[in-house]
């Protein structure tokens, strides 16, 4: 058997996403994060409105524990950004590129993530009440213990996602969501899978 054929027969691991390069914050990103840490929500809105969001790159920025509600970060690059414990209530994050987005214990009420790439994002114990993940790539994302009350996952890719111990899942929207290989708490899988079929 040829070497090429042997390579083709190698068993592949399940749920292996496309490679996401590990990021280290650049000096410019660290300076931007330091400036943002000094500002409250309203001055931060003004500061960020002066920057073109489509070119805004906050990759690997340490932005934990900040009050950032109502910001417009539409189209920003947020790879490995750490919003752990931060409050982003009502923010616009549509179309962001944020694999490995860190949202552990964060408050994301009403955040619009529509069309974002959030592969391997971590939303453990986050408050996602009313958040919109329409047509997002959430492959291998972790939602363990998150509050997903009225959260909209319509058309989202949740392949390999962790939806264990999620709260208020009965009021979430999963129409047309792809849940292949997703992990659920016992007795929840059938309920959520039934919710993927439009009413």
N, C-alpha and C. Protein backbone atom coordinates (compact mmCIF):
# COMPACT_ATOMS: atom_id res chain seq x y z
N UNK A 1 0.85 -1.18 0.00
CA UNK A 1 0.00 0.00 0.00
C UNK A 1 0.90 1.24 0.00
N UNK A 2 0.58 2.19 -0.85
CA UNK A 2 1.41 3.40 -0.96
C UNK A 2 1.23 4.30 0.27
N UNK A 3 2.22 5.16 0.49
CA UNK A 3 2.19 6.09 1.63
C UNK A 3 1.02 7.05 1.56
N UNK A 4 0.69 7.51 0.35
CA UNK A 4 -0.43 8.44 0.18
C UNK A 4 -1.75 7.79 0.58
N UNK A 5 -1.92 6.52 0.20
CA UNK A 5 -3.14 5.80 0.53
C UNK A 5 -3.24 5.57 2.03
N UNK A 6 -2.11 5.25 2.68
CA UNK A 6 -2.11 5.06 4.13
C UNK A 6 -2.53 6.34 4.84
N UNK A 7 -2.05 7.49 4.35
CA UNK A 7 -2.43 8.77 4.96
C UNK A 7 -3.93 9.00 4.84
N UNK A 8 -4.50 8.60 3.72
CA UNK A 8 -5.93 8.79 3.50
C UNK A 8 -6.77 7.92 4.42
N UNK A 9 -6.21 6.81 4.89
CA UNK A 9 -6.95 5.89 5.75
C UNK A 9 -6.80 6.18 7.24
N UNK A 10 -6.00 7.16 7.60
CA UNK A 10 -5.81 7.48 9.01
C UNK A 10 -7.13 7.99 9.59
N UNK A 11 -7.48 7.46 10.77
CA UNK A 11 -8.72 7.88 11.43
C UNK A 11 -8.56 9.32 11.88
N UNK A 12 -9.53 10.14 11.52
CA UNK A 12 -9.47 11.54 11.89
C UNK A 12 -10.29 11.77 13.16
N UNK A 13 -9.83 12.71 13.99
CA UNK A 13 -10.56 13.05 15.21
C UNK A 13 -11.85 13.76 14.84
N UNK A 14 -12.88 13.54 15.67
CA UNK A 14 -14.14 14.24 15.47
C UNK A 14 -14.01 15.70 15.89
N UNK A 15 -14.73 16.56 15.25
CA UNK A 15 -14.87 17.96 15.62
C UNK A 15 -13.55 18.72 15.65
N UNK A 16 -12.68 18.44 14.73
CA UNK A 16 -11.43 19.20 14.66
C UNK A 16 -11.68 20.42 13.78
N UNK A 17 -11.69 21.63 14.39
CA UNK A 17 -11.95 22.82 13.58
C UNK A 17 -10.72 23.21 12.78
N UNK A 18 -10.93 24.11 11.84
CA UNK A 18 -9.78 24.65 11.10
C UNK A 18 -8.83 25.26 12.12
N UNK A 19 -7.57 25.21 11.83
CA UNK A 19 -6.55 25.71 12.77
C UNK A 19 -6.78 27.20 13.07
N UNK A 20 -6.77 27.51 14.33
CA UNK A 20 -6.89 28.89 14.78
C UNK A 20 -5.55 29.23 15.42
N UNK A 21 -4.79 30.11 14.80
CA UNK A 21 -3.47 30.40 15.36
C UNK A 21 -3.57 31.06 16.73
N UNK A 22 -2.69 30.66 17.62
CA UNK A 22 -2.65 31.26 18.95
C UNK A 22 -2.14 32.69 18.81
N UNK A 23 -2.79 33.60 19.49
CA UNK A 23 -2.44 35.01 19.39
C UNK A 23 -1.77 35.51 20.67
N UNK A 24 -0.84 36.38 20.49
CA UNK A 24 -0.21 37.10 21.59
C UNK A 24 -0.52 38.57 21.33
N UNK A 25 -0.98 39.31 22.33
CA UNK A 25 -1.33 40.71 22.07
C UNK A 25 -0.12 41.52 21.63
N UNK A 26 -0.31 42.32 20.61
CA UNK A 26 0.76 43.20 20.12
C UNK A 26 0.88 44.39 21.08
N UNK A 27 1.99 45.10 21.04
CA UNK A 27 2.12 46.30 21.88
C UNK A 27 1.00 47.31 21.60
N UNK A 28 0.59 47.43 20.34
CA UNK A 28 -0.50 48.36 19.99
C UNK A 28 -1.81 47.91 20.63
N UNK A 29 -2.08 46.59 20.63
CA UNK A 29 -3.29 46.07 21.24
C UNK A 29 -3.27 46.29 22.75
N UNK A 30 -2.13 46.05 23.37
CA UNK A 30 -2.01 46.27 24.82
C UNK A 30 -2.21 47.74 25.18
N UNK A 31 -1.69 48.64 24.34
CA UNK A 31 -1.87 50.08 24.58
C UNK A 31 -3.34 50.47 24.44
N UNK A 32 -4.01 49.90 23.43
CA UNK A 32 -5.43 50.17 23.22
C UNK A 32 -6.25 49.64 24.40
N UNK A 33 -5.94 48.43 24.86
CA UNK A 33 -6.64 47.84 26.01
C UNK A 33 -6.43 48.67 27.27
N UNK A 34 -5.20 49.16 27.47
CA UNK A 34 -4.90 50.00 28.64
C UNK A 34 -5.71 51.29 28.60
N UNK A 35 -5.83 51.88 27.41
CA UNK A 35 -6.62 53.11 27.25
C UNK A 35 -8.10 52.83 27.53
N UNK A 36 -8.61 51.69 27.03
CA UNK A 36 -10.01 51.33 27.24
C UNK A 36 -10.30 51.09 28.72
N UNK A 37 -9.34 50.55 29.46
CA UNK A 37 -9.52 50.27 30.88
C UNK A 37 -9.71 51.56 31.69
N UNK A 38 -9.19 52.67 31.20
CA UNK A 38 -9.29 53.95 31.90
C UNK A 38 -10.66 54.60 31.71
N UNK A 39 -11.40 54.18 30.70
CA UNK A 39 -12.63 54.86 30.30
C UNK A 39 -13.87 54.13 30.79
N UNK A 40 -14.94 54.89 31.03
CA UNK A 40 -16.25 54.32 31.31
C UNK A 40 -16.95 54.06 29.99
N UNK A 41 -18.19 53.53 30.04
CA UNK A 41 -18.90 53.18 28.79
C UNK A 41 -19.09 54.34 27.82
N UNK A 42 -19.52 55.50 28.30
CA UNK A 42 -19.79 56.62 27.38
C UNK A 42 -18.50 57.17 26.76
N UNK A 43 -17.45 57.46 27.55
CA UNK A 43 -16.20 57.90 26.92
C UNK A 43 -15.60 56.83 26.00
N UNK A 44 -15.81 55.55 26.36
CA UNK A 44 -15.29 54.46 25.53
C UNK A 44 -16.00 54.44 24.18
N UNK A 45 -17.32 54.72 24.18
CA UNK A 45 -18.06 54.78 22.91
C UNK A 45 -17.47 55.85 22.01
N UNK A 46 -17.19 57.02 22.57
CA UNK A 46 -16.62 58.11 21.79
C UNK A 46 -15.23 57.75 21.29
N UNK A 47 -14.42 57.16 22.16
CA UNK A 47 -13.06 56.75 21.81
C UNK A 47 -13.08 55.75 20.65
N UNK A 48 -13.97 54.74 20.75
CA UNK A 48 -14.04 53.72 19.70
C UNK A 48 -14.70 54.22 18.43
N UNK A 49 -15.60 55.22 18.56
CA UNK A 49 -16.25 55.74 17.35
C UNK A 49 -15.25 56.48 16.46
N UNK A 50 -14.15 56.92 17.05
CA UNK A 50 -13.11 57.58 16.26
C UNK A 50 -12.22 56.57 15.53
N UNK A 51 -12.36 55.28 15.87
CA UNK A 51 -11.58 54.22 15.22
C UNK A 51 -12.47 53.49 14.23
N UNK A 52 -11.98 53.13 13.05
CA UNK A 52 -12.80 52.34 12.11
C UNK A 52 -12.93 50.91 12.63
N UNK A 53 -14.17 50.49 12.99
CA UNK A 53 -14.37 49.19 13.62
C UNK A 53 -13.96 48.03 12.72
N UNK A 54 -14.11 48.16 11.42
CA UNK A 54 -13.75 47.06 10.52
C UNK A 54 -12.25 46.76 10.56
N UNK A 55 -11.46 47.72 10.97
CA UNK A 55 -10.02 47.48 11.07
C UNK A 55 -9.58 47.32 12.53
N UNK A 56 -10.53 47.42 13.46
CA UNK A 56 -10.20 47.29 14.87
C UNK A 56 -9.81 45.85 15.18
N UNK A 57 -8.62 45.67 15.70
CA UNK A 57 -8.13 44.33 16.06
C UNK A 57 -7.79 44.32 17.54
N UNK A 58 -8.64 43.64 18.31
CA UNK A 58 -8.43 43.51 19.75
C UNK A 58 -8.00 42.09 20.10
N UNK A 59 -7.39 41.38 19.18
CA UNK A 59 -7.00 39.99 19.40
C UNK A 59 -6.13 39.86 20.64
N UNK A 60 -6.53 38.91 21.49
CA UNK A 60 -5.82 38.57 22.73
C UNK A 60 -5.75 39.73 23.72
N UNK A 61 -6.60 40.74 23.55
CA UNK A 61 -6.60 41.88 24.47
C UNK A 61 -7.16 41.46 25.82
N UNK A 62 -6.53 41.88 26.91
CA UNK A 62 -7.03 41.57 28.25
C UNK A 62 -8.07 42.61 28.68
N UNK A 63 -9.34 42.32 28.43
CA UNK A 63 -10.42 43.27 28.73
C UNK A 63 -11.40 42.68 29.75
N UNK A 64 -10.88 41.96 30.72
CA UNK A 64 -11.71 41.33 31.73
C UNK A 64 -12.28 42.36 32.70
N UNK A 65 -13.52 42.07 33.15
CA UNK A 65 -14.13 42.86 34.21
C UNK A 65 -14.47 44.29 33.88
N UNK A 66 -14.68 44.62 32.61
CA UNK A 66 -14.98 46.00 32.22
C UNK A 66 -16.47 46.20 31.96
N UNK A 67 -16.95 47.42 32.19
CA UNK A 67 -18.31 47.81 31.83
C UNK A 67 -18.22 48.44 30.45
N UNK A 68 -18.72 47.71 29.43
CA UNK A 68 -18.57 48.14 28.04
C UNK A 68 -19.92 48.15 27.32
N UNK A 69 -21.01 48.34 28.03
CA UNK A 69 -22.34 48.22 27.45
C UNK A 69 -22.57 49.23 26.33
N UNK A 70 -23.31 48.75 25.31
CA UNK A 70 -23.73 49.60 24.20
C UNK A 70 -22.68 49.94 23.16
N UNK A 71 -21.52 49.30 23.19
CA UNK A 71 -20.47 49.62 22.22
C UNK A 71 -20.77 49.03 20.85
N UNK A 72 -20.25 49.67 19.81
CA UNK A 72 -20.34 49.14 18.46
C UNK A 72 -18.97 48.61 18.06
N UNK A 73 -18.85 47.28 18.05
CA UNK A 73 -17.61 46.62 17.63
C UNK A 73 -17.87 45.79 16.38
N UNK A 74 -18.86 46.21 15.60
CA UNK A 74 -19.24 45.48 14.40
C UNK A 74 -18.04 45.30 13.47
N UNK A 75 -17.80 44.03 13.06
CA UNK A 75 -16.75 43.72 12.11
C UNK A 75 -15.35 43.68 12.69
N UNK A 76 -15.21 43.85 13.99
CA UNK A 76 -13.87 43.86 14.61
C UNK A 76 -13.27 42.45 14.65
N UNK A 77 -11.96 42.38 14.76
CA UNK A 77 -11.25 41.11 14.95
C UNK A 77 -11.05 40.92 16.44
N UNK A 78 -11.61 39.83 16.97
CA UNK A 78 -11.62 39.59 18.41
C UNK A 78 -11.08 38.20 18.75
N UNK A 79 -10.06 37.74 18.05
CA UNK A 79 -9.50 36.41 18.29
C UNK A 79 -8.91 36.38 19.70
N UNK A 80 -9.35 35.39 20.49
CA UNK A 80 -8.85 35.17 21.85
C UNK A 80 -8.98 36.38 22.75
N UNK A 81 -9.86 37.32 22.43
CA UNK A 81 -10.06 38.47 23.31
C UNK A 81 -10.65 37.96 24.62
N UNK A 82 -10.25 38.54 25.73
CA UNK A 82 -10.71 38.10 27.04
C UNK A 82 -11.70 39.12 27.62
N UNK A 83 -13.00 38.86 27.42
CA UNK A 83 -14.06 39.67 28.00
C UNK A 83 -14.61 38.99 29.25
N UNK A 84 -13.85 38.09 29.85
CA UNK A 84 -14.31 37.33 31.01
C UNK A 84 -14.73 38.29 32.12
N UNK A 85 -15.98 38.10 32.61
CA UNK A 85 -16.49 38.93 33.68
C UNK A 85 -16.86 40.34 33.26
N UNK A 86 -16.81 40.66 31.98
CA UNK A 86 -17.15 42.00 31.50
C UNK A 86 -18.64 42.10 31.19
N UNK A 87 -19.15 43.32 31.16
CA UNK A 87 -20.55 43.58 30.84
C UNK A 87 -20.61 44.27 29.47
N UNK A 88 -21.09 43.53 28.47
CA UNK A 88 -21.22 44.06 27.11
C UNK A 88 -22.69 44.20 26.72
N UNK A 89 -23.57 44.39 27.68
CA UNK A 89 -25.00 44.48 27.43
C UNK A 89 -25.30 45.43 26.27
N UNK A 90 -26.09 44.92 25.31
CA UNK A 90 -26.54 45.74 24.19
C UNK A 90 -25.50 46.09 23.15
N UNK A 91 -24.35 45.46 23.17
CA UNK A 91 -23.29 45.77 22.18
C UNK A 91 -23.64 45.21 20.80
N UNK A 92 -23.08 45.81 19.78
CA UNK A 92 -23.23 45.34 18.40
C UNK A 92 -21.92 44.69 17.98
N UNK A 93 -21.93 43.36 17.91
CA UNK A 93 -20.75 42.61 17.50
C UNK A 93 -21.02 41.82 16.22
N UNK A 94 -21.93 42.31 15.40
CA UNK A 94 -22.26 41.62 14.14
C UNK A 94 -21.02 41.49 13.26
N UNK A 95 -20.87 40.30 12.68
CA UNK A 95 -19.82 40.08 11.70
C UNK A 95 -18.41 40.10 12.26
N UNK A 96 -18.26 39.91 13.55
CA UNK A 96 -16.91 39.91 14.12
C UNK A 96 -16.22 38.58 13.85
N UNK A 97 -14.90 38.61 13.81
CA UNK A 97 -14.09 37.40 13.66
C UNK A 97 -13.46 37.16 15.03
N UNK A 98 -14.05 36.21 15.78
CA UNK A 98 -13.61 36.03 17.16
C UNK A 98 -13.44 34.60 17.61
N UNK A 99 -12.72 33.76 16.86
CA UNK A 99 -12.46 32.42 17.39
C UNK A 99 -11.77 32.49 18.75
N UNK A 100 -12.16 31.57 19.62
CA UNK A 100 -11.65 31.50 21.01
C UNK A 100 -11.99 32.75 21.82
N UNK A 101 -13.11 33.37 21.49
CA UNK A 101 -13.65 34.52 22.22
C UNK A 101 -13.83 34.12 23.68
N UNK A 102 -13.33 34.91 24.61
CA UNK A 102 -13.46 34.60 26.03
C UNK A 102 -14.57 35.38 26.69
N UNK A 103 -15.66 34.68 27.04
CA UNK A 103 -16.79 35.33 27.67
C UNK A 103 -17.20 34.68 28.98
N UNK A 104 -16.28 34.03 29.65
CA UNK A 104 -16.53 33.34 30.91
C UNK A 104 -17.12 34.32 31.93
N UNK A 105 -18.27 33.94 32.53
CA UNK A 105 -18.94 34.76 33.55
C UNK A 105 -19.28 36.17 33.08
N UNK A 106 -19.34 36.38 31.77
CA UNK A 106 -19.65 37.70 31.24
C UNK A 106 -21.14 37.97 31.16
N UNK A 107 -21.47 39.22 30.94
CA UNK A 107 -22.87 39.64 30.79
C UNK A 107 -23.02 40.14 29.36
N UNK A 108 -23.77 39.38 28.55
CA UNK A 108 -23.95 39.67 27.13
C UNK A 108 -25.43 39.80 26.78
N UNK A 109 -26.20 40.42 27.65
CA UNK A 109 -27.65 40.56 27.46
C UNK A 109 -27.92 41.42 26.22
N UNK A 110 -28.69 40.87 25.28
CA UNK A 110 -29.09 41.61 24.09
C UNK A 110 -27.98 41.90 23.10
N UNK A 111 -26.83 41.26 23.23
CA UNK A 111 -25.72 41.49 22.29
C UNK A 111 -26.06 40.86 20.95
N UNK A 112 -25.76 41.55 19.87
CA UNK A 112 -26.02 41.04 18.53
C UNK A 112 -24.71 40.51 17.94
N UNK A 113 -24.59 39.16 17.90
CA UNK A 113 -23.42 38.49 17.34
C UNK A 113 -23.70 37.98 15.91
N UNK A 114 -24.80 38.36 15.30
CA UNK A 114 -25.23 37.83 14.01
C UNK A 114 -24.09 37.76 13.00
N UNK A 115 -23.93 36.57 12.39
CA UNK A 115 -22.94 36.37 11.34
C UNK A 115 -21.49 36.32 11.79
N UNK A 116 -21.26 36.19 13.09
CA UNK A 116 -19.88 36.18 13.60
C UNK A 116 -19.27 34.79 13.58
N UNK A 117 -17.95 34.73 13.52
CA UNK A 117 -17.21 33.47 13.62
C UNK A 117 -16.69 33.39 15.05
N UNK A 118 -17.32 32.54 15.85
CA UNK A 118 -16.97 32.41 17.27
C UNK A 118 -16.62 30.96 17.59
N UNK A 119 -15.88 30.33 16.70
CA UNK A 119 -15.44 28.95 16.95
C UNK A 119 -14.66 28.88 18.26
N UNK A 120 -14.94 27.85 19.03
CA UNK A 120 -14.24 27.59 20.30
C UNK A 120 -14.39 28.72 21.31
N UNK A 121 -15.45 29.52 21.18
CA UNK A 121 -15.70 30.58 22.16
C UNK A 121 -16.08 29.96 23.50
N UNK A 122 -15.83 30.69 24.57
CA UNK A 122 -16.15 30.20 25.91
C UNK A 122 -17.14 31.16 26.55
N UNK A 123 -18.38 30.66 26.74
CA UNK A 123 -19.44 31.43 27.38
C UNK A 123 -19.90 30.72 28.65
N UNK A 124 -18.99 30.04 29.34
CA UNK A 124 -19.34 29.32 30.56
C UNK A 124 -19.90 30.29 31.60
N UNK A 125 -21.08 29.94 32.14
CA UNK A 125 -21.76 30.73 33.17
C UNK A 125 -22.04 32.18 32.75
N UNK A 126 -22.10 32.44 31.46
CA UNK A 126 -22.38 33.80 30.97
C UNK A 126 -23.88 34.06 30.94
N UNK A 127 -24.28 35.31 31.04
CA UNK A 127 -25.67 35.72 30.89
C UNK A 127 -25.86 36.15 29.44
N UNK A 128 -26.53 35.30 28.66
CA UNK A 128 -26.75 35.55 27.24
C UNK A 128 -28.22 35.86 26.95
N UNK A 129 -28.95 36.34 27.95
CA UNK A 129 -30.36 36.64 27.80
C UNK A 129 -30.60 37.57 26.61
N UNK A 130 -31.41 37.11 25.67
CA UNK A 130 -31.77 37.92 24.51
C UNK A 130 -30.66 38.14 23.50
N UNK A 131 -29.53 37.47 23.65
CA UNK A 131 -28.44 37.62 22.68
C UNK A 131 -28.84 36.99 21.35
N UNK A 132 -28.27 37.48 20.25
CA UNK A 132 -28.58 36.95 18.92
C UNK A 132 -27.32 36.37 18.28
N UNK A 133 -27.38 35.06 18.03
CA UNK A 133 -26.29 34.32 17.39
C UNK A 133 -26.75 33.82 16.02
N UNK A 134 -27.58 34.57 15.33
CA UNK A 134 -28.12 34.13 14.04
C UNK A 134 -26.98 33.87 13.06
N UNK A 135 -26.99 32.68 12.46
CA UNK A 135 -26.04 32.27 11.43
C UNK A 135 -24.58 32.46 11.87
N UNK A 136 -24.31 32.21 13.13
CA UNK A 136 -22.93 32.27 13.66
C UNK A 136 -22.27 30.91 13.54
N UNK A 137 -20.96 30.90 13.42
CA UNK A 137 -20.19 29.67 13.51
C UNK A 137 -19.76 29.53 14.97
N UNK A 138 -20.42 28.61 15.68
CA UNK A 138 -20.15 28.36 17.10
C UNK A 138 -19.62 26.95 17.29
N UNK A 139 -18.89 26.45 16.31
CA UNK A 139 -18.32 25.11 16.38
C UNK A 139 -17.45 24.98 17.62
N UNK A 140 -17.71 23.94 18.40
CA UNK A 140 -16.95 23.64 19.63
C UNK A 140 -17.00 24.74 20.68
N UNK A 141 -17.99 25.62 20.62
CA UNK A 141 -18.14 26.66 21.64
C UNK A 141 -18.64 26.03 22.94
N UNK A 142 -18.35 26.67 24.06
CA UNK A 142 -18.74 26.14 25.36
C UNK A 142 -19.74 27.09 26.01
N UNK A 143 -20.95 26.56 26.27
CA UNK A 143 -22.03 27.33 26.90
C UNK A 143 -22.41 26.74 28.26
N UNK A 144 -21.58 25.92 28.85
CA UNK A 144 -21.90 25.23 30.09
C UNK A 144 -22.33 26.23 31.17
N UNK A 145 -23.53 26.00 31.72
CA UNK A 145 -24.05 26.85 32.80
C UNK A 145 -24.53 28.21 32.37
N UNK A 146 -24.54 28.51 31.07
CA UNK A 146 -24.95 29.83 30.60
C UNK A 146 -26.47 30.00 30.68
N UNK A 147 -26.92 31.23 30.88
CA UNK A 147 -28.33 31.56 30.84
C UNK A 147 -28.66 31.93 29.39
N UNK A 148 -29.44 31.07 28.71
CA UNK A 148 -29.78 31.32 27.31
C UNK A 148 -31.26 31.67 27.15
N UNK A 149 -31.82 32.37 28.11
CA UNK A 149 -33.21 32.80 28.08
C UNK A 149 -33.42 33.74 26.89
N UNK A 150 -34.30 33.36 25.98
CA UNK A 150 -34.64 34.14 24.78
C UNK A 150 -33.45 34.37 23.85
N UNK A 151 -32.41 33.57 23.97
CA UNK A 151 -31.24 33.67 23.08
C UNK A 151 -31.61 33.07 21.74
N UNK A 152 -31.22 33.72 20.65
CA UNK A 152 -31.60 33.27 19.31
C UNK A 152 -30.39 32.65 18.60
N UNK A 153 -30.46 31.32 18.39
CA UNK A 153 -29.42 30.57 17.70
C UNK A 153 -29.88 30.15 16.29
N UNK A 154 -30.87 30.83 15.72
CA UNK A 154 -31.42 30.43 14.42
C UNK A 154 -30.34 30.37 13.35
N UNK A 155 -30.23 29.22 12.70
CA UNK A 155 -29.27 29.04 11.62
C UNK A 155 -27.82 28.96 12.05
N UNK A 156 -27.56 28.88 13.34
CA UNK A 156 -26.18 28.83 13.84
C UNK A 156 -25.60 27.43 13.70
N UNK A 157 -24.29 27.36 13.55
CA UNK A 157 -23.57 26.08 13.51
C UNK A 157 -23.05 25.83 14.92
N UNK A 158 -23.65 24.85 15.60
CA UNK A 158 -23.27 24.51 16.97
C UNK A 158 -22.66 23.11 17.00
N UNK A 159 -22.00 22.71 15.93
CA UNK A 159 -21.38 21.39 15.85
C UNK A 159 -20.35 21.24 16.97
N UNK A 160 -20.50 20.20 17.78
CA UNK A 160 -19.55 19.93 18.86
C UNK A 160 -19.63 20.90 20.02
N UNK A 161 -20.66 21.74 20.06
CA UNK A 161 -20.78 22.72 21.15
C UNK A 161 -21.18 22.03 22.46
N UNK A 162 -20.81 22.63 23.56
CA UNK A 162 -21.17 22.14 24.89
C UNK A 162 -22.35 22.96 25.39
N UNK A 163 -23.52 22.31 25.46
CA UNK A 163 -24.73 22.96 25.95
C UNK A 163 -25.20 22.26 27.22
N UNK A 164 -24.26 21.95 28.10
CA UNK A 164 -24.57 21.25 29.34
C UNK A 164 -24.93 22.25 30.43
N UNK A 165 -25.93 21.89 31.23
CA UNK A 165 -26.38 22.70 32.37
C UNK A 165 -26.79 24.12 31.97
N UNK A 166 -27.21 24.31 30.70
CA UNK A 166 -27.68 25.64 30.28
C UNK A 166 -29.00 25.95 30.99
N UNK A 167 -29.20 27.21 31.32
CA UNK A 167 -30.40 27.64 32.02
C UNK A 167 -31.38 28.27 31.04
N UNK A 168 -32.67 28.03 31.27
CA UNK A 168 -33.77 28.62 30.49
C UNK A 168 -33.71 28.28 29.01
N UNK A 169 -33.21 27.08 28.67
CA UNK A 169 -33.10 26.68 27.27
C UNK A 169 -34.46 26.56 26.60
N UNK A 170 -35.53 26.38 27.39
CA UNK A 170 -36.87 26.22 26.83
C UNK A 170 -37.32 27.48 26.09
N UNK A 171 -36.78 28.63 26.44
CA UNK A 171 -37.18 29.88 25.80
C UNK A 171 -36.18 30.34 24.74
N UNK A 172 -35.15 29.55 24.49
CA UNK A 172 -34.17 29.89 23.44
C UNK A 172 -34.73 29.50 22.08
N UNK A 173 -34.17 30.04 21.02
CA UNK A 173 -34.61 29.76 19.65
C UNK A 173 -33.48 29.01 18.94
N UNK A 174 -33.80 27.82 18.42
CA UNK A 174 -32.81 26.98 17.75
C UNK A 174 -33.22 26.62 16.32
N UNK A 175 -34.18 27.32 15.73
CA UNK A 175 -34.66 26.96 14.39
C UNK A 175 -33.51 26.92 13.39
N UNK A 176 -33.45 25.82 12.65
CA UNK A 176 -32.45 25.58 11.60
C UNK A 176 -31.01 25.52 12.12
N UNK A 177 -30.82 25.46 13.42
CA UNK A 177 -29.46 25.35 13.97
C UNK A 177 -28.90 23.96 13.69
N UNK A 178 -27.60 23.87 13.49
CA UNK A 178 -26.92 22.59 13.24
C UNK A 178 -26.25 22.19 14.55
N UNK A 179 -26.68 21.04 15.09
CA UNK A 179 -26.22 20.61 16.41
C UNK A 179 -25.52 19.26 16.37
N UNK A 180 -24.91 18.90 15.25
CA UNK A 180 -24.22 17.61 15.14
C UNK A 180 -23.12 17.50 16.18
N UNK A 181 -23.17 16.44 16.97
CA UNK A 181 -22.12 16.19 17.96
C UNK A 181 -22.12 17.12 19.15
N UNK A 182 -23.17 17.94 19.31
CA UNK A 182 -23.24 18.82 20.48
C UNK A 182 -23.51 17.99 21.73
N UNK A 183 -23.02 18.46 22.86
CA UNK A 183 -23.21 17.76 24.13
C UNK A 183 -24.25 18.48 24.96
N UNK A 184 -25.18 17.70 25.54
CA UNK A 184 -26.28 18.24 26.31
C UNK A 184 -26.34 17.58 27.68
N UNK A 185 -27.05 18.19 28.62
CA UNK A 185 -27.35 17.54 29.89
C UNK A 185 -28.38 16.45 29.62
N UNK A 186 -28.45 15.40 30.47
CA UNK A 186 -29.42 14.33 30.26
C UNK A 186 -30.85 14.87 30.16
N UNK A 187 -31.60 14.37 29.17
CA UNK A 187 -32.99 14.74 28.97
C UNK A 187 -33.21 16.04 28.21
N UNK A 188 -32.17 16.75 27.89
CA UNK A 188 -32.30 18.05 27.22
C UNK A 188 -32.15 17.92 25.71
N UNK A 189 -31.34 16.96 25.26
CA UNK A 189 -31.02 16.83 23.84
C UNK A 189 -32.27 16.73 22.97
N UNK A 190 -33.22 15.86 23.35
CA UNK A 190 -34.42 15.67 22.53
C UNK A 190 -35.23 16.96 22.44
N UNK A 191 -35.30 17.69 23.54
CA UNK A 191 -36.08 18.94 23.56
C UNK A 191 -35.45 19.98 22.63
N UNK A 192 -34.14 20.17 22.75
CA UNK A 192 -33.47 21.18 21.92
C UNK A 192 -33.47 20.77 20.45
N UNK A 193 -33.22 19.48 20.17
CA UNK A 193 -33.24 19.03 18.77
C UNK A 193 -34.61 19.24 18.14
N UNK A 194 -35.68 19.05 18.91
CA UNK A 194 -37.03 19.29 18.39
C UNK A 194 -37.23 20.78 18.09
N UNK A 195 -36.51 21.64 18.80
CA UNK A 195 -36.64 23.08 18.61
C UNK A 195 -35.95 23.56 17.33
N UNK A 196 -35.15 22.71 16.67
CA UNK A 196 -34.48 23.12 15.44
C UNK A 196 -35.43 23.10 14.25
N UNK A 197 -36.55 22.42 14.41
CA UNK A 197 -37.55 22.32 13.33
C UNK A 197 -38.47 23.53 13.43
N UNK A 198 -38.60 24.32 12.38
CA UNK A 198 -39.46 25.52 12.44
C UNK A 198 -40.91 25.15 12.72
N UNK A 199 -41.58 25.98 13.48
CA UNK A 199 -42.99 25.75 13.84
C UNK A 199 -43.92 26.30 12.78
